[in-house]
Amino acid sequence: MTNSITLAPSASLFVKVGRAKYPFQGAAHASQAYRDTIEELDLGASQTPPCYIIDRSGNKVGHISYNGKVWAGAEWQSGDEPIYNPYA
């Protein structure tokens, strides 16, 4: 499910941070919620837990960077382009 992560809400995807799992309400919403939480808790990059987009089976199909960019795949790889960039 590489680039098939949509920007729209999905009943089959979830956002996972630490042990918590939330319904995926779209890339823009997930990005903003993650960044808002980081800022509210005043966390630095080294203190921030990873944020993954997972499917119903718990497989990592995407992730959200500290800066709020949303990526397909479990880890960033050279040459990857974000599927959502809050700064674009």
Protein backbone atom coordinates (compact mmCIF):
# COMPACT_ATOMS: atom_id res chain seq x y z
CA MET A 1 0.00 0.00 0.00
CA THR A 2 2.78 2.42 -0.84
CA ASN A 3 1.28 5.47 -2.49
CA SER A 4 -2.29 4.30 -2.06
CA ILE A 5 -2.46 5.98 1.35
CA THR A 6 -5.01 8.62 0.58
CA LEU A 7 -5.28 12.09 1.96
CA ALA A 8 -8.89 11.29 2.91
CA PRO A 9 -10.25 9.45 5.96
CA SER A 10 -10.05 5.68 5.80
CA ALA A 11 -11.92 3.00 7.73
CA SER A 12 -9.04 0.58 7.16
CA LEU A 13 -6.15 2.77 8.39
CA PHE A 14 -5.17 4.04 11.82
CA VAL A 15 -2.59 6.38 13.32
CA LYS A 16 -0.43 4.80 16.02
CA VAL A 17 1.69 6.78 18.48
CA GLY A 18 3.22 4.72 21.25
CA ARG A 19 0.54 2.28 22.38
CA ALA A 20 -2.34 4.54 21.36
CA LYS A 21 -4.22 3.96 18.11
CA TYR A 22 -6.62 6.45 16.50
CA PRO A 23 -8.85 6.31 13.41
CA PHE A 24 -7.14 7.76 10.34
CA GLN A 25 -9.05 10.92 9.49
CA GLY A 26 -6.85 11.85 6.56
CA ALA A 27 -3.24 12.86 6.08
CA ALA A 28 -3.77 16.57 6.75
CA HIS A 29 -5.70 15.92 9.96
CA ALA A 30 -3.20 13.32 11.23
CA SER A 31 -0.29 15.66 10.46
CA GLN A 32 -1.88 18.60 12.26
CA ALA A 33 -2.92 16.52 15.30
CA TYR A 34 0.59 15.10 15.65
CA ARG A 35 2.23 18.54 15.38
CA ASP A 36 -0.29 20.13 17.78
CA THR A 37 0.44 17.43 20.37
CA ILE A 38 4.20 17.84 19.97
CA GLU A 39 3.91 21.59 20.44
CA GLU A 40 1.45 21.35 23.34
CA LEU A 41 3.76 18.95 25.19
CA ASP A 42 6.81 21.02 24.19
CA LEU A 43 8.69 17.98 22.93
CA GLY A 44 11.92 18.08 20.97
CA ALA A 45 12.58 15.73 18.08
CA SER A 46 14.53 13.29 20.27
CA GLN A 47 11.67 13.14 22.81
CA THR A 48 8.85 12.63 20.32
CA PRO A 49 7.54 9.09 19.84
CA PRO A 50 7.27 7.87 16.26
CA CYS A 51 3.93 8.23 14.52
CA TYR A 52 2.92 5.44 12.14
CA ILE A 53 -0.02 4.85 9.84
CA ILE A 54 -1.04 1.22 10.19
CA ASP A 55 -3.55 -1.04 8.50
CA ARG A 56 -6.09 -3.26 10.29
CA SER A 57 -3.46 -6.00 10.67
CA GLY A 58 -1.02 -3.62 12.37
CA ASN A 59 1.34 -3.38 9.40
CA LYS A 60 3.13 -0.04 9.08
CA VAL A 61 2.09 1.46 5.75
CA GLY A 62 3.12 5.07 6.38
CA HIS A 63 4.59 7.44 8.92
CA ILE A 64 4.51 11.08 9.94
CA SER A 65 7.73 13.01 10.48
CA TYR A 66 8.37 15.33 13.40
CA ASN A 67 7.82 18.22 10.95
CA GLY A 68 4.34 16.93 10.03
CA LYS A 69 5.14 15.51 6.60
CA VAL A 70 3.28 12.28 5.82
CA TRP A 71 5.16 9.50 4.03
CA ALA A 72 4.26 6.15 2.52
CA GLY A 73 6.19 3.23 4.00
CA ALA A 74 7.37 2.48 7.52
CA GLU A 75 10.66 4.37 7.19
CA TRP A 76 11.95 7.23 5.06
CA GLN A 77 14.22 6.22 2.20
CA SER A 78 16.39 8.40 0.00
CA GLY A 79 14.36 9.75 -2.90
CA ASP A 80 10.98 9.44 -1.15
CA GLU A 81 8.50 12.26 -1.66
CA PRO A 82 5.92 13.05 1.02
CA ILE A 83 2.31 12.25 0.20
CA TYR A 84 1.34 15.27 2.30
CA ASN A 85 3.49 18.32 3.03
CA PRO A 86 1.95 20.90 5.38
CA TYR A 87 4.38 23.51 4.04
CA ALA A 88 3.49 23.11 0.36
